[in-house]
């Protein structure tokens, strides 16, 4: 496979926020399902509201940066609400150096992180 310098991986996942006819318990379950993806960002829903909107950022700072102390990977989380759906963009990259990575190596390392 290809050799890469400064590889970046972007992943977008989404969960339904509110389906047609959801009751309050189902809304809480949907929110908990999305929050499960962001265990360290417990405050993500403090910025959410019940108004109908096409696009709403869920963090006051827009992104939440992270660094993996073990391997030096850095990246960020970007949670949003799109109409009746919660979306999460996760971006990650290995340490910035001139090392050449194989795409298989980068993907295998990130899969281990889960």
Protein backbone atom coordinates (compact mmCIF):
# COMPACT_ATOMS: atom_id res chain seq x y z
CA UNK A 1 0.00 0.00 0.00
CA UNK A 2 1.04 3.66 -0.25
CA UNK A 3 3.73 5.28 1.83
CA UNK A 4 2.53 8.37 3.69
CA UNK A 5 4.16 11.41 5.28
CA UNK A 6 2.02 13.31 7.84
CA UNK A 7 -1.01 11.01 7.55
CA UNK A 8 -4.37 12.18 8.94
CA UNK A 9 -7.43 10.07 9.57
CA UNK A 10 -10.93 11.54 9.74
CA UNK A 11 -13.95 9.56 10.88
CA UNK A 12 -17.55 10.78 11.01
CA UNK A 13 -20.12 8.86 13.05
CA UNK A 14 -23.72 9.77 13.75
CA UNK A 15 -26.65 8.75 15.95
CA UNK A 16 -30.29 9.69 15.75
CA UNK A 17 -31.30 12.34 18.26
CA UNK A 18 -35.04 12.24 17.83
CA UNK A 19 -37.16 9.93 15.75
CA UNK A 20 -40.78 10.54 14.85
CA UNK A 21 -42.90 9.81 17.92
CA UNK A 22 -40.00 9.43 20.39
CA UNK A 23 -41.09 9.75 24.01
CA UNK A 24 -38.89 11.28 26.73
CA UNK A 25 -37.32 7.95 27.65
CA UNK A 26 -36.37 7.22 24.04
CA UNK A 27 -34.85 10.72 23.75
CA UNK A 28 -32.73 10.07 26.87
CA UNK A 29 -31.64 6.70 25.46
CA UNK A 30 -30.62 8.28 22.14
CA UNK A 31 -28.65 10.96 23.99
CA UNK A 32 -26.96 8.33 26.17
CA UNK A 33 -26.02 6.33 23.10
CA UNK A 34 -24.25 9.34 21.59
CA UNK A 35 -22.67 10.31 24.94
CA UNK A 36 -21.20 6.80 25.12
CA UNK A 37 -18.93 7.81 22.21
CA UNK A 38 -17.67 10.80 24.25
CA UNK A 39 -17.18 9.49 27.80
CA UNK A 40 -14.82 12.30 28.86
CA UNK A 41 -17.05 15.07 27.42
CA UNK A 42 -19.93 14.81 29.86
CA UNK A 43 -20.76 18.50 29.39
CA UNK A 44 -21.46 18.15 25.64
CA UNK A 45 -25.24 18.35 26.07
CA UNK A 46 -25.20 21.49 28.23
CA UNK A 47 -24.89 23.50 25.02
CA UNK A 48 -27.71 21.58 23.28
CA UNK A 49 -31.29 22.87 23.11
CA UNK A 50 -34.66 21.62 21.94
CA UNK A 51 -35.11 24.16 19.16
CA UNK A 52 -35.33 22.85 15.60
CA UNK A 53 -32.09 23.74 13.87
CA UNK A 54 -30.20 22.52 10.83
CA UNK A 55 -26.74 22.85 12.38
CA UNK A 56 -25.68 23.37 15.99
CA UNK A 57 -22.20 23.01 17.52
CA UNK A 58 -22.35 21.13 20.82
CA UNK A 59 -19.11 22.41 22.36
CA UNK A 60 -18.56 26.03 23.33
CA UNK A 61 -14.97 25.77 22.04
CA UNK A 62 -16.10 23.98 18.83
CA UNK A 63 -13.47 21.24 19.21
CA UNK A 64 -11.93 19.22 22.02
CA UNK A 65 -8.27 18.39 21.36
CA UNK A 66 -6.58 15.26 22.65
CA UNK A 67 -3.10 13.76 22.75
CA UNK A 68 -2.31 10.10 23.31
CA UNK A 69 0.57 10.09 25.81
CA UNK A 70 1.63 6.56 24.83
CA UNK A 71 2.14 6.99 21.06
CA UNK A 72 2.00 10.76 20.64
CA UNK A 73 -1.05 10.71 18.37
CA UNK A 74 -2.95 14.01 18.40
CA UNK A 75 -6.38 14.94 17.20
CA UNK A 76 -9.72 16.43 18.05
CA UNK A 77 -13.42 15.70 18.53
CA UNK A 78 -16.02 17.92 16.87
CA UNK A 79 -19.58 17.05 17.97
CA UNK A 80 -22.55 18.73 16.27
CA UNK A 81 -26.29 18.37 15.94
CA UNK A 82 -27.67 18.21 12.41
CA UNK A 83 -31.48 18.50 12.49
CA UNK A 84 -32.57 15.34 14.33
CA UNK A 85 -29.12 13.68 14.29
CA UNK A 86 -26.02 13.91 16.47
CA UNK A 87 -22.78 13.84 14.50
CA UNK A 88 -19.19 13.42 15.64
CA UNK A 89 -16.09 14.13 13.59
CA UNK A 90 -12.91 12.58 14.99
CA UNK A 91 -9.57 13.57 13.48
CA UNK A 92 -6.29 11.94 14.41
CA UNK A 93 -2.68 11.92 13.21
CA UNK A 94 0.65 10.47 14.38
CA UNK A 95 3.40 12.74 15.73
CA UNK A 96 4.60 15.33 13.25
CA UNK A 97 7.96 14.16 12.01
CA UNK A 98 9.40 13.24 8.65
CA UNK A 99 8.99 9.49 9.24
CA UNK A 100 7.37 7.60 6.39
CA UNK A 101 4.35 5.53 7.45
CA UNK A 102 2.59 2.80 5.56
CA UNK A 103 -1.15 3.31 5.41
CA UNK A 104 -1.64 -0.21 6.81
CA UNK A 105 0.59 0.64 9.80
CA UNK A 106 -1.35 3.82 10.64
CA UNK A 107 -4.74 2.11 10.37
CA UNK A 108 -3.59 -0.89 12.44
CA UNK A 109 -2.24 1.39 15.19
CA UNK A 110 -5.48 3.38 15.34
CA UNK A 111 -7.62 0.23 15.41
CA UNK A 112 -5.74 -0.85 18.54
CA UNK A 113 -6.76 2.43 20.21
CA UNK A 114 -10.43 1.81 19.47
